[in-house]
Amino acid sequence: MSKSESYVGIHDDLHGGMTPTGTVIRDAWVFGLIAENEDCKGWDKQRLLALYDQVHEAWLPYAHLVSHLPAELRERHARIYDAAISGARAQGWNPELGDED
Protein backbone atom coordinates (compact mmCIF):
# COMPACT_ATOMS: atom_id res chain seq x y z
CA MET A 1 0.00 0.00 0.00
CA SER A 2 1.56 3.27 -1.07
CA LYS A 3 1.33 6.41 1.02
CA SER A 4 -1.62 7.75 -1.01
CA GLU A 5 -3.57 4.48 -1.15
CA SER A 6 -6.16 3.37 1.32
CA TYR A 7 -6.55 -0.13 2.71
CA VAL A 8 -8.96 -2.46 0.90
CA GLY A 9 -10.39 -3.83 4.13
CA ILE A 10 -9.62 -7.09 5.89
CA HIS A 11 -12.36 -9.00 4.04
CA ASP A 12 -10.96 -7.98 0.64
CA ASP A 13 -7.30 -8.31 1.62
CA LEU A 14 -5.04 -10.99 0.16
CA HIS A 15 -5.79 -14.56 1.30
CA GLY A 16 -8.86 -13.55 3.27
CA GLY A 17 -6.89 -11.09 5.38
CA MET A 18 -4.08 -13.49 6.29
CA THR A 19 -1.57 -10.67 6.02
CA PRO A 20 0.37 -8.61 8.56
CA THR A 21 -2.28 -5.88 8.36
CA GLY A 22 -5.02 -8.46 8.83
CA THR A 23 -3.25 -9.75 11.93
CA VAL A 24 -3.14 -6.24 13.41
CA ILE A 25 -6.86 -5.80 12.75
CA ARG A 26 -7.78 -9.18 14.26
CA ASP A 27 -5.63 -8.44 17.30
CA ALA A 28 -7.33 -5.05 17.65
CA TRP A 29 -10.66 -6.92 17.69
CA VAL A 30 -9.33 -9.28 20.37
CA PHE A 31 -8.32 -6.39 22.62
CA GLY A 32 -11.46 -4.37 21.91
CA LEU A 33 -9.51 -1.52 20.33
CA ILE A 34 -11.94 -1.48 17.41
CA ALA A 35 -15.33 -3.13 16.96
CA GLU A 36 -15.32 -6.58 15.38
CA ASN A 37 -17.41 -5.26 12.51
CA GLU A 38 -14.74 -2.64 11.67
CA ASP A 39 -12.88 -3.92 8.59
CA CYS A 40 -10.66 -0.82 8.30
CA LYS A 41 -11.64 -0.36 4.65
CA GLY A 42 -10.50 3.05 3.44
CA TRP A 43 -8.03 3.58 6.28
CA ASP A 44 -4.78 5.27 5.29
CA LYS A 45 -1.32 4.02 6.19
CA GLN A 46 -0.92 6.41 9.13
CA ARG A 47 -4.17 5.30 10.72
CA LEU A 48 -3.19 1.63 10.34
CA LEU A 49 0.24 2.34 11.84
CA ALA A 50 -1.43 4.02 14.82
CA LEU A 51 -3.60 0.92 15.26
CA TYR A 52 -0.46 -1.23 15.06
CA ASP A 53 1.07 0.83 17.89
CA GLN A 54 -2.06 0.35 20.02
CA VAL A 55 -2.07 -3.40 19.38
CA HIS A 56 1.62 -3.64 20.22
CA GLU A 57 1.01 -1.87 23.53
CA ALA A 58 -1.97 -4.10 24.30
CA TRP A 59 0.18 -7.22 23.84
CA LEU A 60 3.02 -6.04 26.11
CA PRO A 61 1.56 -7.25 29.44
CA TYR A 62 1.19 -10.70 27.88
CA ALA A 63 4.67 -10.89 26.31
CA HIS A 64 2.95 -11.17 22.91
CA LEU A 65 1.92 -14.75 23.78
CA VAL A 66 -1.62 -16.04 23.41
CA SER A 67 -0.98 -18.48 26.25
CA HIS A 68 -0.47 -15.52 28.61
CA LEU A 69 -3.82 -13.93 27.81
CA PRO A 70 -6.53 -14.11 30.45
CA ALA A 71 -9.25 -16.67 29.66
CA GLU A 72 -11.72 -14.17 28.19
CA LEU A 73 -9.18 -12.71 25.76
CA ARG A 74 -7.75 -16.15 24.93
CA GLU A 75 -11.25 -17.40 24.05
CA ARG A 76 -11.95 -14.30 21.94
CA HIS A 77 -8.59 -14.75 20.18
CA ALA A 78 -9.40 -18.41 19.41
CA ARG A 79 -12.86 -17.54 18.08
CA ILE A 80 -11.59 -14.72 15.85
CA TYR A 81 -8.55 -16.55 14.53
CA ASP A 82 -10.33 -19.89 14.03
CA ALA A 83 -12.96 -18.12 11.90
CA ALA A 84 -10.29 -16.24 9.93
CA ILE A 85 -8.29 -19.40 9.23
CA SER A 86 -11.39 -21.36 8.18
CA GLY A 87 -12.49 -18.55 5.87
CA ALA A 88 -9.06 -18.15 4.32
CA ARG A 89 -8.70 -21.88 3.73
CA ALA A 90 -12.14 -21.93 2.09
CA GLN A 91 -10.77 -19.27 -0.29
CA GLY A 92 -7.77 -21.47 -1.13
CA TRP A 93 -5.22 -20.08 1.33
CA ASN A 94 -2.52 -22.55 2.33
CA PRO A 95 -0.33 -21.42 5.22
CA GLU A 96 2.49 -23.66 4.03
CA LEU A 97 2.81 -22.01 0.62
CA GLY A 98 4.84 -18.86 0.16
CA ASP A 99 3.96 -15.92 -2.08
CA GLU A 100 6.09 -17.43 -4.87
CA ASP A 101 4.16 -20.72 -4.88
PDB file of N, CA and C in Angstrom:
ATOM      1  N   MET A   1       0.856  -1.173   0.000  1.00  0.00           N
ATOM      2  CA  MET A   1       0.000   0.000   0.000  1.00  0.00           C
ATOM      3  C   MET A   1       0.898   1.231   0.000  1.00  0.00           C
ATOM      4  N   SER A   2       0.759   2.052  -1.011  1.00  0.00           N
ATOM      5  CA  SER A   2       1.556   3.270  -1.066  1.00  0.00           C
ATOM      6  C   SER A   2       0.971   4.310  -0.115  1.00  0.00           C
ATOM      7  N   LYS A   3       1.729   5.374   0.070  1.00  0.00           N
ATOM      8  CA  LYS A   3       1.329   6.414   1.017  1.00  0.00           C
ATOM      9  C   LYS A   3      -0.035   7.017   0.689  1.00  0.00           C
ATOM     10  N   SER A   4      -0.360   7.119  -0.602  1.00  0.00           N
ATOM     11  CA  SER A   4      -1.616   7.752  -1.009  1.00  0.00           C
ATOM     12  C   SER A   4      -2.793   6.771  -1.099  1.00  0.00           C
ATOM     13  N   GLU A   5      -2.515   5.484  -1.046  1.00  0.00           N
ATOM     14  CA  GLU A   5      -3.572   4.482  -1.154  1.00  0.00           C
ATOM     15  C   GLU A   5      -4.259   4.264   0.188  1.00  0.00           C
ATOM     16  N   SER A   6      -5.462   3.748   0.098  1.00  0.00           N
ATOM     17  CA  SER A   6      -6.164   3.365   1.319  1.00  0.00           C
ATOM     18  C   SER A   6      -6.284   1.844   1.334  1.00  0.00           C
ATOM     19  N   TYR A   7      -6.472   1.314   2.515  1.00  0.00           N
ATOM     20  CA  TYR A   7      -6.547  -0.129   2.713  1.00  0.00           C
ATOM     21  C   TYR A   7      -7.855  -0.672   2.142  1.00  0.00           C
ATOM     22  N   VAL A   8      -7.796  -1.857   1.548  1.00  0.00           N
ATOM     23  CA  VAL A   8      -8.956  -2.465   0.897  1.00  0.00           C
ATOM     24  C   VAL A   8      -9.965  -3.042   1.890  1.00  0.00           C
ATOM     25  N   GLY A   9      -9.541  -3.220   3.116  1.00  0.00           N
ATOM     26  CA  GLY A   9     -10.395  -3.835   4.127  1.00  0.00           C
ATOM     27  C   GLY A   9      -9.992  -5.282   4.334  1.00  0.00           C
ATOM     28  N   ILE A  10     -10.097  -5.745   5.557  1.00  0.00           N
ATOM     29  CA  ILE A  10      -9.617  -7.094   5.887  1.00  0.00           C
ATOM     30  C   ILE A  10     -10.335  -8.174   5.075  1.00  0.00           C
ATOM     31  N   HIS A  11     -11.597  -7.972   4.765  1.00  0.00           N
ATOM     32  CA  HIS A  11     -12.356  -8.995   4.037  1.00  0.00           C
ATOM     33  C   HIS A  11     -11.992  -9.063   2.559  1.00  0.00           C
ATOM     34  N   ASP A  12     -11.395  -7.997   2.036  1.00  0.00           N
ATOM     35  CA  ASP A  12     -10.958  -7.979   0.643  1.00  0.00           C
ATOM     36  C   ASP A  12      -9.449  -8.057   0.507  1.00  0.00           C
ATOM     37  N   ASP A  13      -8.761  -8.219   1.624  1.00  0.00           N
ATOM     38  CA  ASP A  13      -7.304  -8.312   1.619  1.00  0.00           C
ATOM     39  C   ASP A  13      -6.881  -9.679   1.075  1.00  0.00           C
ATOM     40  N   LEU A  14      -5.632  -9.781   0.707  1.00  0.00           N
ATOM     41  CA  LEU A  14      -5.044 -10.994   0.163  1.00  0.00           C
ATOM     42  C   LEU A  14      -5.263 -12.177   1.102  1.00  0.00           C
ATOM     43  N   HIS A  15      -5.622 -13.310   0.546  1.00  0.00           N
ATOM     44  CA  HIS A  15      -5.792 -14.557   1.302  1.00  0.00           C
ATOM     45  C   HIS A  15      -6.785 -14.415   2.451  1.00  0.00           C
ATOM     46  N   GLY A  16      -7.850 -13.700   2.233  1.00  0.00           N
ATOM     47  CA  GLY A  16      -8.862 -13.552   3.269  1.00  0.00           C
ATOM     48  C   GLY A  16      -8.373 -12.787   4.486  1.00  0.00           C
ATOM     49  N   GLY A  17      -7.413 -11.896   4.270  1.00  0.00           N
ATOM     50  CA  GLY A  17      -6.892 -11.094   5.376  1.00  0.00           C
ATOM     51  C   GLY A  17      -5.779 -11.765   6.153  1.00  0.00           C
ATOM     52  N   MET A  18      -5.190 -12.819   5.609  1.00  0.00           N
ATOM     53  CA  MET A  18      -4.080 -13.491   6.288  1.00  0.00           C
ATOM     54  C   MET A  18      -2.783 -12.786   5.903  1.00  0.00           C
ATOM     55  N   THR A  19      -2.701 -11.547   6.313  1.00  0.00           N
ATOM     56  CA  THR A  19      -1.574 -10.669   6.025  1.00  0.00           C
ATOM     57  C   THR A  19      -1.156  -9.988   7.332  1.00  0.00           C
ATOM     58  N   PRO A  20      -0.009  -9.342   7.344  1.00  0.00           N
ATOM     59  CA  PRO A  20       0.372  -8.611   8.559  1.00  0.00           C
ATOM     60  C   PRO A  20      -0.668  -7.565   8.979  1.00  0.00           C
ATOM     61  N   THR A  21      -1.249  -6.868   8.023  1.00  0.00           N
ATOM     62  CA  THR A  21      -2.280  -5.884   8.356  1.00  0.00           C
ATOM     63  C   THR A  21      -3.514  -6.577   8.915  1.00  0.00           C
ATOM     64  N   GLY A  22      -3.890  -7.701   8.324  1.00  0.00           N
ATOM     65  CA  GLY A  22      -5.021  -8.461   8.830  1.00  0.00           C
ATOM     66  C   GLY A  22      -4.792  -8.930  10.255  1.00  0.00           C
ATOM     67  N   THR A  23      -3.576  -9.326  10.569  1.00  0.00           N
ATOM     68  CA  THR A  23      -3.247  -9.751  11.928  1.00  0.00           C
ATOM     69  C   THR A  23      -3.422  -8.600  12.913  1.00  0.00           C
ATOM     70  N   VAL A  24      -2.981  -7.415  12.538  1.00  0.00           N
ATOM     71  CA  VAL A  24      -3.142  -6.244  13.406  1.00  0.00           C
ATOM     72  C   VAL A  24      -4.625  -5.983  13.653  1.00  0.00           C
ATOM     73  N   ILE A  25      -5.418  -6.060  12.615  1.00  0.00           N
ATOM     74  CA  ILE A  25      -6.857  -5.801  12.754  1.00  0.00           C
ATOM     75  C   ILE A  25      -7.512  -6.858  13.648  1.00  0.00           C
ATOM     76  N   ARG A  26      -7.205  -8.134  13.406  1.00  0.00           N
ATOM     77  CA  ARG A  26      -7.783  -9.182  14.258  1.00  0.00           C
ATOM     78  C   ARG A  26      -7.352  -9.013  15.712  1.00  0.00           C
ATOM     79  N   ASP A  27      -6.094  -8.669  15.931  1.00  0.00           N
ATOM     80  CA  ASP A  27      -5.628  -8.440  17.304  1.00  0.00           C
ATOM     81  C   ASP A  27      -6.333  -7.233  17.928  1.00  0.00           C
ATOM     82  N   ALA A  28      -6.591  -6.215  17.138  1.00  0.00           N
ATOM     83  CA  ALA A  28      -7.335  -5.050  17.648  1.00  0.00           C
ATOM     84  C   ALA A  28      -8.745  -5.469  18.051  1.00  0.00           C
ATOM     85  N   TRP A  29      -9.350  -6.383  17.305  1.00  0.00           N
ATOM     86  CA  TRP A  29     -10.664  -6.920  17.690  1.00  0.00           C
ATOM     87  C   TRP A  29     -10.554  -7.664  19.020  1.00  0.00           C
ATOM     88  N   VAL A  30      -9.513  -8.496  19.142  1.00  0.00           N
ATOM     89  CA  VAL A  30      -9.327  -9.283  20.369  1.00  0.00           C
ATOM     90  C   VAL A  30      -9.273  -8.361  21.585  1.00  0.00           C
ATOM     91  N   PHE A  31      -8.515  -7.293  21.483  1.00  0.00           N
ATOM     92  CA  PHE A  31      -8.317  -6.390  22.617  1.00  0.00           C
ATOM     93  C   PHE A  31      -9.407  -5.320  22.737  1.00  0.00           C
ATOM     94  N   GLY A  32     -10.374  -5.338  21.836  1.00  0.00           N
ATOM     95  CA  GLY A  32     -11.462  -4.373  21.908  1.00  0.00           C
ATOM     96  C   GLY A  32     -11.049  -2.961  21.528  1.00  0.00           C
ATOM     97  N   LEU A  33      -9.977  -2.839  20.756  1.00  0.00           N
ATOM     98  CA  LEU A  33      -9.510  -1.521  20.327  1.00  0.00           C
ATOM     99  C   LEU A  33     -10.393  -0.955  19.220  1.00  0.00           C
ATOM    100  N   ILE A  34     -10.957  -1.835  18.433  1.00  0.00           N
ATOM    101  CA  ILE A  34     -11.943  -1.480  17.413  1.00  0.00           C
ATOM    102  C   ILE A  34     -13.040  -2.539  17.463  1.00  0.00           C
ATOM    103  N   ALA A  35     -14.207  -2.189  16.984  1.00  0.00           N
ATOM    104  CA  ALA A  35     -15.331  -3.128  16.958  1.00  0.00           C
ATOM    105  C   ALA A  35     -15.037  -4.262  15.970  1.00  0.00           C
ATOM    106  N   GLU A  36     -15.564  -5.430  16.259  1.00  0.00           N
ATOM    107  CA  GLU A  36     -15.324  -6.575  15.383  1.00  0.00           C
ATOM    108  C   GLU A  36     -15.951  -6.415  14.000  1.00  0.00           C
ATOM    109  N   ASN A  37     -16.850  -5.493  13.835  1.00  0.00           N
ATOM    110  CA  ASN A  37     -17.414  -5.256  12.505  1.00  0.00           C
ATOM    111  C   ASN A  37     -16.641  -4.177  11.746  1.00  0.00           C
ATOM    112  N   GLU A  38     -15.584  -3.639  12.334  1.00  0.00           N
ATOM    113  CA  GLU A  38     -14.736  -2.642  11.668  1.00  0.00           C
ATOM    114  C   GLU A  38     -13.718  -3.380  10.810  1.00  0.00           C
ATOM    115  N   ASP A  39     -13.807  -3.218   9.482  1.00  0.00           N
ATOM    116  CA  ASP A  39     -12.877  -3.918   8.593  1.00  0.00           C
ATOM    117  C   ASP A  39     -11.714  -3.035   8.151  1.00  0.00           C
ATOM    118  N   CYS A  40     -11.722  -1.789   8.573  1.00  0.00           N
ATOM    119  CA  CYS A  40     -10.659  -0.817   8.296  1.00  0.00           C
ATOM    120  C   CYS A  40     -10.566  -0.430   6.819  1.00  0.00           C
ATOM    121  N   LYS A  41     -11.604  -0.734   6.066  1.00  0.00           N
ATOM    122  CA  LYS A  41     -11.644  -0.358   4.653  1.00  0.00           C
ATOM    123  C   LYS A  41     -11.558   1.157   4.539  1.00  0.00           C
ATOM    124  N   GLY A  42     -10.675   1.615   3.679  1.00  0.00           N
ATOM    125  CA  GLY A  42     -10.502   3.046   3.441  1.00  0.00           C
ATOM    126  C   GLY A  42      -9.516   3.725   4.383  1.00  0.00           C
ATOM    127  N   TRP A  43      -8.993   2.990   5.355  1.00  0.00           N
ATOM    128  CA  TRP A  43      -8.030   3.585   6.283  1.00  0.00           C
ATOM    129  C   TRP A  43      -6.722   3.860   5.540  1.00  0.00           C
ATOM    130  N   ASP A  44      -6.076   4.976   5.886  1.00  0.00           N
ATOM    131  CA  ASP A  44      -4.779   5.270   5.289  1.00  0.00           C
ATOM    132  C   ASP A  44      -3.666   4.622   6.114  1.00  0.00           C
ATOM    133  N   LYS A  45      -2.462   4.678   5.571  1.00  0.00           N
ATOM    134  CA  LYS A  45      -1.324   4.022   6.189  1.00  0.00           C
ATOM    135  C   LYS A  45      -1.055   4.540   7.604  1.00  0.00           C
ATOM    136  N   GLN A  46      -1.180   5.834   7.811  1.00  0.00           N
ATOM    137  CA  GLN A  46      -0.920   6.405   9.134  1.00  0.00           C
ATOM    138  C   GLN A  46      -1.917   5.904  10.177  1.00  0.00           C
ATOM    139  N   ARG A  47      -3.156   5.784   9.788  1.00  0.00           N
ATOM    140  CA  ARG A  47      -4.173   5.299  10.722  1.00  0.00           C
ATOM    141  C   ARG A  47      -3.919   3.830  11.073  1.00  0.00           C
ATOM    142  N   LEU A  48      -3.516   3.035  10.092  1.00  0.00           N
ATOM    143  CA  LEU A  48      -3.193   1.632  10.342  1.00  0.00           C
ATOM    144  C   LEU A  48      -1.945   1.502  11.222  1.00  0.00           C
ATOM    145  N   LEU A  49      -0.956   2.365  10.999  1.00  0.00           N
ATOM    146  CA  LEU A  49       0.238   2.343  11.843  1.00  0.00           C
ATOM    147  C   LEU A  49      -0.091   2.720  13.283  1.00  0.00           C
ATOM    148  N   ALA A  50      -0.998   3.657  13.469  1.00  0.00           N
ATOM    149  CA  ALA A  50      -1.432   4.024  14.818  1.00  0.00           C
ATOM    150  C   ALA A  50      -2.132   2.845  15.485  1.00  0.00           C
ATOM    151  N   LEU A  51      -2.934   2.106  14.725  1.00  0.00           N
ATOM    152  CA  LEU A  51      -3.599   0.920  15.261  1.00  0.00           C
ATOM    153  C   LEU A  51      -2.552  -0.132  15.627  1.00  0.00           C
ATOM    154  N   TYR A  52      -1.549  -0.300  14.770  1.00  0.00           N
ATOM    155  CA  TYR A  52      -0.465  -1.232  15.064  1.00  0.00           C
ATOM    156  C   TYR A  52       0.184  -0.881  16.411  1.00  0.00           C
ATOM    157  N   ASP A  53       0.457   0.397  16.630  1.00  0.00           N
ATOM    158  CA  ASP A  53       1.069   0.830  17.894  1.00  0.00           C
ATOM    159  C   ASP A  53       0.179   0.491  19.086  1.00  0.00           C
ATOM    160  N   GLN A  54      -1.120   0.687  18.941  1.00  0.00           N
ATOM    161  CA  GLN A  54      -2.060   0.354  20.019  1.00  0.00           C
ATOM    162  C   GLN A  54      -2.065  -1.156  20.293  1.00  0.00           C
ATOM    163  N   VAL A  55      -2.072  -1.939  19.237  1.00  0.00           N
ATOM    164  CA  VAL A  55      -2.072  -3.398  19.377  1.00  0.00           C
ATOM    165  C   VAL A  55      -0.779  -3.855  20.051  1.00  0.00           C
ATOM    166  N   HIS A  56       0.335  -3.293  19.618  1.00  0.00           N
ATOM    167  CA  HIS A  56       1.623  -3.643  20.225  1.00  0.00           C
ATOM    168  C   HIS A  56       1.606  -3.369  21.729  1.00  0.00           C
ATOM    169  N   GLU A  57       1.106  -2.222  22.110  1.00  0.00           N
ATOM    170  CA  GLU A  57       1.008  -1.867  23.532  1.00  0.00           C
ATOM    171  C   GLU A  57       0.077  -2.815  24.286  1.00  0.00           C
ATOM    172  N   ALA A  58      -1.017  -3.207  23.657  1.00  0.00           N
ATOM    173  CA  ALA A  58      -1.970  -4.104  24.303  1.00  0.00           C
ATOM    174  C   ALA A  58      -1.361  -5.479  24.561  1.00  0.00           C
ATOM    175  N   TRP A  59      -0.462  -5.913  23.689  1.00  0.00           N
ATOM    176  CA  TRP A  59       0.176  -7.220  23.841  1.00  0.00           C
ATOM    177  C   TRP A  59       1.271  -7.223  24.905  1.00  0.00           C
ATOM    178  N   LEU A  60       1.862  -6.079  25.207  1.00  0.00           N
ATOM    179  CA  LEU A  60       3.021  -6.038  26.105  1.00  0.00           C
ATOM    180  C   LEU A  60       2.826  -6.756  27.442  1.00  0.00           C
ATOM    181  N   PRO A  61       1.713  -6.555  28.151  1.00  0.00           N
ATOM    182  CA  PRO A  61       1.562  -7.246  29.437  1.00  0.00           C
ATOM    183  C   PRO A  61       1.525  -8.776  29.319  1.00  0.00           C
ATOM    184  N   TYR A  62       1.325  -9.263  28.108  1.00  0.00           N
ATOM    185  CA  TYR A  62       1.190 -10.704  27.881  1.00  0.00           C
ATOM    186  C   TYR A  62       2.381 -11.268  27.107  1.00  0.00           C
ATOM    187  N   ALA A  63       3.444 -10.476  27.002  1.00  0.00           N
ATOM    188  CA  ALA A  63       4.668 -10.889  26.308  1.00  0.00           C
ATOM    189  C   ALA A  63       4.389 -11.358  24.881  1.00  0.00           C
ATOM    190  N   HIS A  64       3.339 -10.827  24.279  1.00  0.00           N
ATOM    191  CA  HIS A  64       2.949 -11.169  22.908  1.00  0.00           C
ATOM    192  C   HIS A  64       2.671 -12.658  22.740  1.00  0.00           C
ATOM    193  N   LEU A  65       2.213 -13.319  23.803  1.00  0.00           N
ATOM    194  CA  LEU A  65       1.917 -14.753  23.776  1.00  0.00           C
ATOM    195  C   LEU A  65       0.448 -15.004  24.091  1.00  0.00           C
ATOM    196  N   VAL A  66      -0.209 -15.710  23.204  1.00  0.00           N
ATOM    197  CA  VAL A  66      -1.621 -16.043  23.411  1.00  0.00           C
ATOM    198  C   VAL A  66      -1.799 -16.802  24.716  1.00  0.00           C
ATOM    199  N   SER A  67      -0.876 -17.666  25.032  1.00  0.00           N
ATOM    200  CA  SER A  67      -0.984 -18.481  26.253  1.00  0.00           C
ATOM    201  C   SER A  67      -0.961 -17.638  27.527  1.00  0.00           C
ATOM    202  N   HIS A  68      -0.503 -16.409  27.442  1.00  0.00           N
ATOM    203  CA  HIS A  68      -0.466 -15.523  28.610  1.00  0.00           C
ATOM    204  C   HIS A  68      -1.717 -14.665  28.736  1.00  0.00           C
ATOM    205  N   LEU A  69      -2.588 -14.719  27.748  1.00  0.00           N
ATOM    206  CA  LEU A  69      -3.820 -13.927  27.814  1.00  0.00           C
ATOM    207  C   LEU A  69      -4.741 -14.483  28.889  1.00  0.00           C
ATOM    208  N   PRO A  70      -5.511 -13.605  29.535  1.00  0.00           N
ATOM    209  CA  PRO A  70      -6.534 -14.114  30.449  1.00  0.00           C
ATOM    210  C   PRO A  70      -7.581 -14.893  29.649  1.00  0.00           C
ATOM    211  N   ALA A  71      -8.318 -15.749  30.332  1.00  0.00           N
ATOM    212  CA  ALA A  71      -9.250 -16.668  29.664  1.00  0.00           C
ATOM    213  C   ALA A  71     -10.183 -15.968  28.680  1.00  0.00           C
ATOM    214  N   GLU A  72     -10.773 -14.857  29.066  1.00  0.00           N
ATOM    215  CA  GLU A  72     -11.724 -14.171  28.186  1.00  0.00           C
ATOM    216  C   GLU A  72     -11.062 -13.732  26.879  1.00  0.00           C
ATOM    217  N   LEU A  73      -9.881 -13.144  26.969  1.00  0.00           N
ATOM    218  CA  LEU A  73      -9.178 -12.712  25.756  1.00  0.00           C
ATOM    219  C   LEU A  73      -8.676 -13.903  24.952  1.00  0.00           C
ATOM    220  N   ARG A  74      -8.223 -14.945  25.619  1.00  0.00           N
ATOM    221  CA  ARG A  74      -7.753 -16.147  24.932  1.00  0.00           C
ATOM    222  C   ARG A  74      -8.892 -16.788  24.147  1.00  0.00           C
ATOM    223  N   GLU A  75     -10.082 -16.840  24.744  1.00  0.00           N
ATOM    224  CA  GLU A  75     -11.248 -17.397  24.051  1.00  0.00           C
ATOM    225  C   GLU A  75     -11.660 -16.525  22.865  1.00  0.00           C
ATOM    226  N   ARG A  76     -11.622 -15.213  23.044  1.00  0.00           N
ATOM    227  CA  ARG A  76     -11.954 -14.299  21.940  1.00  0.00           C
ATOM    228  C   ARG A  76     -10.935 -14.463  20.818  1.00  0.00           C
ATOM    229  N   HIS A  77      -9.655 -14.558  21.174  1.00  0.00           N
ATOM    230  CA  HIS A  77      -8.594 -14.754  20.182  1.00  0.00           C
ATOM    231  C   HIS A  77      -8.850 -16.037  19.390  1.00  0.00           C
ATOM    232  N   ALA A  78      -9.154 -17.133  20.084  1.00  0.00           N
ATOM    233  CA  ALA A  78      -9.403 -18.413  19.414  1.00  0.00           C
ATOM    234  C   ALA A  78     -10.592 -18.303  18.468  1.00  0.00           C
ATOM    235  N   ARG A  79     -11.666 -17.676  18.911  1.00  0.00           N
ATOM    236  CA  ARG A  79     -12.861 -17.541  18.076  1.00  0.00           C
ATOM    237  C   ARG A  79     -12.554 -16.731  16.818  1.00  0.00           C
ATOM    238  N   ILE A  80     -11.885 -15.596  16.982  1.00  0.00           N
ATOM    239  CA  ILE A  80     -11.587 -14.715  15.849  1.00  0.00           C
ATOM    240  C   ILE A  80     -10.614 -15.375  14.881  1.00  0.00           C
ATOM    241  N   TYR A  81      -9.556 -15.953  15.404  1.00  0.00           N
ATOM    242  CA  TYR A  81      -8.548 -16.554  14.532  1.00  0.00           C
ATOM    243  C   TYR A  81      -9.030 -17.860  13.905  1.00  0.00           C
ATOM    244  N   ASP A  82      -9.793 -18.664  14.626  1.00  0.00           N
ATOM    245  CA  ASP A  82     -10.335 -19.887  14.031  1.00  0.00           C
ATOM    246  C   ASP A  82     -11.240 -19.555  12.847  1.00  0.00           C
ATOM    247  N   ALA A  83     -12.079 -18.536  12.997  1.00  0.00           N
ATOM    248  CA  ALA A  83     -12.962 -18.120  11.899  1.00  0.00           C
ATOM    249  C   ALA A  83     -12.158 -17.589  10.721  1.00  0.00           C
ATOM    250  N   ALA A  84     -11.113 -16.809  11.000  1.00  0.00           N
ATOM    251  CA  ALA A  84     -10.286 -16.239   9.929  1.00  0.00           C
ATOM    252  C   ALA A  84      -9.561 -17.341   9.157  1.00  0.00           C
ATOM    253  N   ILE A  85      -9.023 -18.300   9.877  1.00  0.00           N
ATOM    254  CA  ILE A  85      -8.293 -19.398   9.231  1.00  0.00           C
ATOM    255  C   ILE A  85      -9.238 -20.254   8.401  1.00  0.00           C
ATOM    256  N   SER A  86     -10.394 -20.567   8.938  1.00  0.00           N
ATOM    257  CA  SER A  86     -11.386 -21.355   8.180  1.00  0.00           C
ATOM    258  C   SER A  86     -11.803 -20.625   6.911  1.00  0.00           C
ATOM    259  N   GLY A  87     -12.085 -19.337   7.034  1.00  0.00           N
ATOM    260  CA  GLY A  87     -12.494 -18.553   5.868  1.00  0.00           C
ATOM    261  C   GLY A  87     -11.402 -18.466   4.821  1.00  0.00           C
ATOM    262  N   ALA A  88     -10.175 -18.255   5.261  1.00  0.00           N
ATOM    263  CA  ALA A  88      -9.056 -18.152   4.321  1.00  0.00           C
ATOM    264  C   ALA A  88      -8.812 -19.484   3.613  1.00  0.00           C
ATOM    265  N   ARG A  89      -8.891 -20.567   4.355  1.00  0.00           N
ATOM    266  CA  ARG A  89      -8.701 -21.885   3.726  1.00  0.00           C
ATOM    267  C   ARG A  89      -9.806 -22.174   2.715  1.00  0.00           C
ATOM    268  N   ALA A  90     -11.019 -21.748   3.021  1.00  0.00           N
ATOM    269  CA  ALA A  90     -12.138 -21.934   2.089  1.00  0.00           C
ATOM    270  C   ALA A  90     -11.903 -21.154   0.800  1.00  0.00           C
ATOM    271  N   GLN A  91     -11.106 -20.087   0.886  1.00  0.00           N
ATOM    272  CA  GLN A  91     -10.767 -19.275  -0.292  1.00  0.00           C
ATOM    273  C   GLN A  91      -9.495 -19.765  -0.980  1.00  0.00           C
ATOM    274  N   GLY A  92      -8.941 -20.893  -0.488  1.00  0.00           N
ATOM    275  CA  GLY A  92      -7.765 -21.468  -1.128  1.00  0.00           C
ATOM    276  C   GLY A  92      -6.438 -21.128  -0.480  1.00  0.00           C
ATOM    277  N   TRP A  93      -6.463 -20.423   0.647  1.00  0.00           N
ATOM    278  CA  TRP A  93      -5.217 -20.081   1.328  1.00  0.00           C
ATOM    279  C   TRP A  93      -4.587 -21.323   1.933  1.00  0.00           C
ATOM    280  N   ASN A  94      -3.283 -21.462   1.739  1.00  0.00           N
ATOM    281  CA  ASN A  94      -2.519 -22.552   2.331  1.00  0.00           C
ATOM    282  C   ASN A  94      -1.378 -21.930   3.113  1.00  0.00           C
ATOM    283  N   PRO A  95      -1.365 -22.073   4.428  1.00  0.00           N
ATOM    284  CA  PRO A  95      -0.328 -21.425   5.222  1.00  0.00           C
ATOM    285  C   PRO A  95       1.071 -21.948   4.955  1.00  0.00           C
ATOM    286  N   GLU A  96       1.188 -23.077   4.296  1.00  0.00           N
ATOM    287  CA  GLU A  96       2.493 -23.662   4.025  1.00  0.00           C
ATOM    288  C   GLU A  96       3.078 -23.205   2.705  1.00  0.00           C
ATOM    289  N   LEU A  97       2.303 -22.507   1.890  1.00  0.00           N
ATOM    290  CA  LEU A  97       2.811 -22.010   0.615  1.00  0.00           C
ATOM    291  C   LEU A  97       3.233 -20.561   0.772  1.00  0.00           C
ATOM    292  N   GLY A  98       4.354 -20.233   0.160  1.00  0.00           N
ATOM    293  CA  GLY A  98       4.837 -18.859   0.156  1.00  0.00           C
ATOM    294  C   GLY A  98       4.204 -18.071  -0.971  1.00  0.00           C
ATOM    295  N   ASP A  99       4.512 -16.782  -1.041  1.00  0.00           N
ATOM    296  CA  ASP A  99       3.958 -15.922  -2.076  1.00  0.00           C
ATOM    297  C   ASP A  99       4.427 -16.339  -3.474  1.00  0.00           C
ATOM    298  N   GLU A 100       5.569 -17.014  -3.564  1.00  0.00           N
ATOM    299  CA  GLU A 100       6.090 -17.427  -4.868  1.00  0.00           C
ATOM    300  C   GLU A 100       5.436 -18.707  -5.372  1.00  0.00           C
ATOM    301  N   ASP A 101       4.753 -19.435  -4.495  1.00  0.00           N
ATOM    302  CA  ASP A 101       4.157 -20.722  -4.881  1.00  0.00           C
ATOM    303  C   ASP A 101       2.834 -20.551  -5.585  1.00  0.00           C
TER     304      ASP A 101
END
